[in-house]
Amino acid sequence: MQRPLVVGVDGSAGSLRALDWAVAEAARHGAALRLVHAAFHDRHGSADPGHAGLDAAQYIVDAAVERARRACRPVQVEGVVIAADPVDALLDEDRRTRALVTGSRGHGTLAGLLLGSVSLTVSARAHCPVIVVRGTERSVHGTFHRITLGVGDASADAAVMRFAVEEAEARGCELHAVRAWRAPAHHAQYHPLLTGGPHVAHEELASEALTAAVGVSLPERSPATLHREVAEGPVGKVLLGASAASDLLVVGATRTGDRTGLQLGRAGHTVLHHASCPVAVVPRSV
């Protein structure tokens, strides 16, 4: 049975946008929706939100459930209130869900921050895919018919590739595997079997690495419309450029056994803060 999608809801515009996206996503995959609201109150150092807080929390959840049902999608929806910190509440769901879905900003986000702390922390620590719904309206509504997968030095891990393939198949769209490359400033040495100068050499080496990574990790059942692309520049900049014409950007993240620190690379931080489309952070199977 397909595991549900879990959506963090807090009544903010960002979480409602994420909810609308998740309804369509659940329908595509035949999954149920589980809407989670964390009712946390620490004014007196307690996690007990009190009766008034619980009533307000239940109202937020009930309104979110009603909004999801009004979308008229064949999706089963349930909503729960959890007396916990939002990060803890969502991370506690990560073993029982296909993916966690969050908005890019919630009520608690300061105006100067590009990404809410809850979304960033969950993306950096969860042991399941986390999808942060951000970007332009065209991307959020899936008008480009393209999924972009970032392939880095760690290769296109099988779990990351499988997630990207499933998304492309569910949407019936193209999958673009993208790898960035940069030539060293000195150009002192390059592959002796490649011709055309060091820039061409590095580009061809990147293309070879991409083909090898995708070939090893690609599931047996893969979309016919798989494209391999290499682009010169910093990884973050290349992926941001690709996100401008994508419905979803998929990147991998290595997880250690614990949940200390923010386990994201520089490129992961960059796309979560600046991408022009929703971003899926998928843990690599290490």
Protein backbone atom coordinates (compact mmCIF):
# COMPACT_ATOMS: atom_id res chain seq x y z
CA MET A 1 0.00 0.00 0.00
CA GLN A 2 1.28 3.48 -0.90
CA ARG A 3 2.49 5.41 2.11
CA PRO A 4 0.76 8.77 2.70
CA LEU A 5 2.15 12.21 2.01
CA VAL A 6 2.56 14.25 5.18
CA VAL A 7 1.99 17.99 4.93
CA GLY A 8 2.90 20.50 7.61
CA VAL A 9 0.08 23.04 7.99
CA ASP A 10 0.01 26.18 10.14
CA GLY A 11 -2.61 28.32 8.39
CA SER A 12 -0.01 30.53 6.69
CA ALA A 13 -0.16 31.35 2.99
CA GLY A 14 2.96 29.26 2.42
CA SER A 15 1.53 26.16 4.05
CA LEU A 16 -1.76 26.50 2.15
CA ARG A 17 0.19 26.71 -1.10
CA ALA A 18 2.07 23.57 -0.08
CA LEU A 19 -1.22 21.88 0.79
CA ASP A 20 -2.70 22.62 -2.64
CA TRP A 21 0.44 21.24 -4.29
CA ALA A 22 0.35 18.14 -2.09
CA VAL A 23 -3.28 17.39 -2.98
CA ALA A 24 -2.35 17.18 -6.66
CA GLU A 25 0.78 15.19 -5.81
CA ALA A 26 -1.16 12.66 -3.73
CA ALA A 27 -3.70 12.22 -6.53
CA ARG A 28 -0.91 11.54 -9.03
CA HIS A 29 0.53 8.77 -6.86
CA GLY A 30 -2.69 7.35 -5.45
CA ALA A 31 -1.57 8.25 -1.93
CA ALA A 32 -3.48 9.53 1.09
CA LEU A 33 -2.78 12.90 2.73
CA ARG A 34 -1.93 13.33 6.39
CA LEU A 35 -2.06 16.96 7.53
CA VAL A 36 0.02 17.69 10.62
CA HIS A 37 -0.18 20.80 12.76
CA ALA A 38 2.21 21.21 15.67
CA ALA A 39 0.61 23.03 18.60
CA PHE A 40 3.61 24.14 20.60
CA HIS A 41 3.58 26.70 23.38
CA ASP A 42 6.74 27.52 25.30
CA ARG A 43 5.82 30.76 27.10
CA HIS A 44 6.32 28.96 30.41
CA GLY A 45 8.77 26.37 29.14
CA SER A 46 6.02 23.84 28.48
CA ALA A 47 4.98 22.00 25.33
CA ASP A 48 1.37 21.99 26.53
CA PRO A 49 -0.58 24.42 24.31
CA GLY A 50 -3.57 24.59 26.69
CA HIS A 51 -7.25 24.36 25.78
CA ALA A 52 -7.39 27.65 23.87
CA GLY A 53 -4.30 26.73 21.91
CA LEU A 54 -5.67 23.30 21.08
CA ASP A 55 -8.95 24.80 19.91
CA ALA A 56 -7.10 27.17 17.59
CA ALA A 57 -4.89 24.34 16.35
CA GLN A 58 -7.88 22.13 15.65
CA TYR A 59 -9.50 24.95 13.69
CA ILE A 60 -6.38 25.25 11.52
CA VAL A 61 -6.36 21.51 10.84
CA ASP A 62 -10.11 21.32 10.14
CA ALA A 63 -9.86 24.24 7.71
CA ALA A 64 -6.93 22.59 5.94
CA VAL A 65 -8.77 19.27 5.65
CA GLU A 66 -11.81 21.06 4.22
CA ARG A 67 -9.62 22.93 1.74
CA ALA A 68 -8.04 19.65 0.56
CA ARG A 69 -11.44 18.01 0.14
CA ARG A 70 -12.80 20.96 -1.82
CA ALA A 71 -10.14 20.30 -4.45
CA CYS A 72 -12.37 17.42 -5.61
CA ARG A 73 -9.48 15.02 -6.01
CA PRO A 74 -9.80 11.30 -5.23
CA VAL A 75 -7.58 11.64 -2.17
CA GLN A 76 -8.16 10.39 1.36
CA VAL A 77 -7.41 13.17 3.86
CA GLU A 78 -6.86 13.14 7.61
CA GLY A 79 -5.67 15.90 9.91
CA VAL A 80 -3.95 15.66 13.28
CA VAL A 81 -2.82 18.08 15.98
CA ILE A 82 0.42 17.15 17.71
CA ALA A 83 1.60 18.85 20.89
CA ALA A 84 5.24 19.20 19.90
CA ASP A 85 7.76 21.49 18.30
CA PRO A 86 7.03 21.71 14.52
CA VAL A 87 10.40 20.24 13.54
CA ASP A 88 10.04 17.31 15.95
CA ALA A 89 6.44 16.70 14.88
CA LEU A 90 7.37 16.44 11.21
CA LEU A 91 10.56 14.44 11.73
CA ASP A 92 8.60 11.95 13.80
CA GLU A 93 6.56 11.21 10.65
CA ASP A 94 9.49 10.57 8.32
CA ARG A 95 9.59 6.77 8.68
CA ARG A 96 5.91 6.39 7.80
CA THR A 97 5.54 8.63 4.76
CA ARG A 98 6.43 8.78 1.09
CA ALA A 99 7.53 12.39 1.56
CA LEU A 100 7.16 15.38 3.86
CA VAL A 101 5.76 18.50 2.20
CA THR A 102 6.27 21.98 3.61
CA GLY A 103 5.83 25.55 2.51
CA SER A 104 8.86 27.73 2.03
CA ARG A 105 7.80 30.12 4.80
CA GLY A 106 5.49 29.94 7.79
CA HIS A 107 4.13 32.33 10.37
CA GLY A 108 7.35 32.38 12.34
CA THR A 109 9.67 33.37 9.49
CA LEU A 110 11.35 36.76 9.76
CA ALA A 111 10.90 38.99 6.73
CA GLY A 112 14.62 38.90 5.98
CA LEU A 113 14.83 35.13 5.71
CA LEU A 114 14.33 33.41 2.36
CA LEU A 115 13.39 30.03 3.81
CA GLY A 116 11.63 29.24 7.07
CA SER A 117 13.72 27.56 9.76
CA VAL A 118 11.29 24.64 10.07
CA SER A 119 11.44 23.85 6.34
CA LEU A 120 15.23 24.16 6.28
CA THR A 121 15.79 22.00 9.36
CA VAL A 122 13.37 19.29 8.27
CA SER A 123 14.94 19.23 4.78
CA ALA A 124 18.38 18.87 6.33
CA ARG A 125 17.55 16.08 8.79
CA ALA A 126 14.66 13.92 7.58
CA HIS A 127 15.30 10.34 6.51
CA CYS A 128 12.63 10.54 3.81
CA PRO A 129 12.25 12.91 0.85
CA VAL A 130 11.26 16.44 1.80
CA ILE A 131 9.56 18.68 -0.74
CA VAL A 132 9.64 22.42 -0.13
CA VAL A 133 6.97 24.09 -2.23
CA ARG A 134 8.42 27.35 -3.51
CA GLY A 135 8.92 29.10 -6.85
CA THR A 136 6.76 30.65 -9.53
CA GLU A 137 3.10 29.91 -10.09
CA ARG A 138 3.96 28.26 -13.43
CA SER A 139 6.31 25.84 -11.71
CA VAL A 140 4.00 25.11 -8.80
CA HIS A 141 1.18 24.32 -11.20
CA GLY A 142 3.37 22.03 -13.33
CA THR A 143 3.23 23.84 -16.67
CA PHE A 144 6.79 23.07 -17.84
CA HIS A 145 6.35 19.26 -17.97
CA ARG A 146 9.93 18.80 -16.84
CA ILE A 147 11.60 17.31 -13.76
CA THR A 148 15.25 18.25 -13.18
CA LEU A 149 17.61 15.95 -11.28
CA GLY A 150 20.90 17.36 -10.02
CA VAL A 151 23.73 14.82 -10.32
CA GLY A 152 26.82 15.67 -8.29
CA ASP A 153 30.12 14.05 -7.45
CA ALA A 154 28.36 11.52 -5.23
CA SER A 155 26.65 10.20 -8.39
CA ALA A 156 22.96 9.79 -9.01
CA ASP A 157 22.23 7.53 -6.06
CA ALA A 158 19.64 4.84 -6.78
CA ALA A 159 17.17 6.18 -4.18
CA VAL A 160 17.45 9.73 -5.56
CA MET A 161 17.15 8.55 -9.17
CA ARG A 162 14.19 6.31 -8.34
CA PHE A 163 12.34 9.22 -6.76
CA ALA A 164 12.99 11.44 -9.80
CA VAL A 165 11.88 8.70 -12.20
CA GLU A 166 8.66 8.09 -10.26
CA GLU A 167 7.87 11.79 -10.32
CA ALA A 168 8.46 12.01 -14.07
CA GLU A 169 6.34 8.94 -14.74
CA ALA A 170 3.48 10.10 -12.51
CA ARG A 171 3.38 13.41 -14.35
CA GLY A 172 4.09 12.00 -17.82
CA CYS A 173 6.87 14.52 -18.31
CA GLU A 174 10.54 14.66 -19.26
CA LEU A 175 13.33 13.95 -16.81
CA HIS A 176 16.52 15.98 -17.21
CA ALA A 177 19.63 14.75 -15.37
CA VAL A 178 21.98 17.72 -15.01
CA ARG A 179 25.63 17.82 -13.94
CA ALA A 180 27.68 20.98 -13.49
CA TRP A 181 31.35 21.18 -14.37
CA ARG A 182 34.14 23.72 -13.97
CA ALA A 183 37.62 23.84 -15.47
CA PRO A 184 40.44 24.61 -13.02
CA ALA A 185 41.79 28.12 -13.45
CA HIS A 186 45.30 26.96 -14.33
CA HIS A 187 44.24 24.39 -16.99
CA ALA A 188 47.58 22.72 -16.37
CA GLN A 189 46.50 19.18 -17.09
CA TYR A 190 43.56 17.49 -18.72
CA HIS A 191 42.67 14.06 -19.99
CA PRO A 192 45.30 13.06 -22.60
CA LEU A 193 42.81 11.14 -24.72
CA LEU A 194 40.46 14.11 -25.15
CA THR A 195 41.00 16.82 -27.74
CA GLY A 196 39.87 20.40 -28.19
CA GLY A 197 41.53 22.06 -25.22
CA PRO A 198 41.02 21.86 -21.46
CA HIS A 199 37.50 23.32 -21.43
CA VAL A 200 36.28 20.75 -23.93
CA ALA A 201 38.14 18.06 -22.02
CA HIS A 202 36.46 18.92 -18.73
CA GLU A 203 33.04 19.12 -20.38
CA GLU A 204 33.48 15.69 -21.96
CA LEU A 205 34.71 14.23 -18.69
CA ALA A 206 31.62 15.63 -16.96
CA SER A 207 29.44 14.11 -19.67
CA GLU A 208 31.12 10.73 -19.21
CA ALA A 209 30.66 10.93 -15.44
CA LEU A 210 26.99 11.83 -15.83
CA THR A 211 26.34 8.97 -18.25
CA ALA A 212 28.10 6.53 -15.93
CA ALA A 213 26.24 7.76 -12.83
CA VAL A 214 22.85 7.60 -14.50
CA GLY A 215 23.64 4.23 -16.07
CA VAL A 216 24.49 2.68 -12.70
CA SER A 217 21.59 4.20 -10.79
CA LEU A 218 18.78 4.19 -13.35
CA PRO A 219 15.97 1.81 -12.39
CA GLU A 220 15.05 -0.94 -14.83
CA ARG A 221 11.74 0.79 -15.52
CA SER A 222 12.75 4.26 -16.65
CA PRO A 223 11.11 7.01 -18.68
CA ALA A 224 11.82 7.15 -22.41
CA THR A 225 12.26 10.90 -22.18
CA LEU A 226 15.44 10.97 -20.12
CA HIS A 227 17.85 13.74 -21.10
CA ARG A 228 21.44 14.13 -19.92
CA GLU A 229 22.83 17.64 -19.72
CA VAL A 230 26.12 19.13 -18.56
CA ALA A 231 26.62 22.82 -17.91
CA GLU A 232 29.61 24.92 -16.96
CA GLY A 233 29.43 26.80 -13.69
CA PRO A 234 28.99 26.39 -9.93
CA VAL A 235 26.53 23.62 -9.04
CA GLY A 236 24.10 25.95 -7.29
CA LYS A 237 24.03 28.42 -10.16
CA VAL A 238 23.50 25.67 -12.75
CA LEU A 239 20.64 24.12 -10.79
CA LEU A 240 19.00 27.49 -10.17
CA GLY A 241 19.09 28.14 -13.90
CA ALA A 242 17.47 24.78 -14.60
CA SER A 243 14.80 25.39 -11.95
CA ALA A 244 13.43 28.34 -13.92
CA ALA A 245 11.93 25.94 -16.46
CA SER A 246 11.16 22.97 -14.20
CA ASP A 247 8.14 21.75 -12.26
CA LEU A 248 10.33 20.07 -9.65
CA LEU A 249 14.04 20.06 -8.84
CA VAL A 250 15.36 16.87 -7.21
CA VAL A 251 18.64 16.87 -5.29
CA GLY A 252 20.29 14.27 -3.09
CA ALA A 253 21.55 14.68 0.47
CA THR A 254 23.76 12.39 2.53
CA ARG A 255 22.45 11.52 5.98
CA THR A 256 24.46 10.34 8.96
CA GLY A 257 22.97 8.13 11.64
CA ASP A 258 21.96 11.00 13.89
CA ARG A 259 20.10 14.26 13.35
CA THR A 260 22.65 16.75 14.55
CA GLY A 261 23.55 19.70 12.38
CA LEU A 262 22.10 20.62 9.02
CA GLN A 263 23.02 17.77 6.69
CA LEU A 264 22.87 19.64 3.40
CA GLY A 265 25.61 20.57 0.98
CA ARG A 266 26.17 24.08 -0.31
CA ALA A 267 24.14 23.41 -3.45
CA GLY A 268 21.24 22.09 -1.35
CA HIS A 269 21.18 25.26 0.73
CA THR A 270 21.31 27.38 -2.42
CA VAL A 271 18.38 25.77 -4.19
CA LEU A 272 16.21 25.60 -1.07
CA HIS A 273 16.60 29.35 -0.62
CA HIS A 274 16.49 30.52 -4.24
CA ALA A 275 15.01 27.92 -6.64
CA SER A 276 12.22 28.99 -8.99
CA CYS A 277 10.30 25.72 -8.50
CA PRO A 278 9.48 23.25 -5.73
CA VAL A 279 12.57 21.40 -4.45
CA ALA A 280 12.72 17.74 -3.38
CA VAL A 281 15.62 16.81 -1.09
CA VAL A 282 16.04 13.04 -1.20
CA PRO A 283 18.36 11.17 1.23
CA ARG A 284 20.98 9.06 -0.45
CA SER A 285 21.00 5.37 0.51
CA VAL A 286 24.26 5.15 2.46
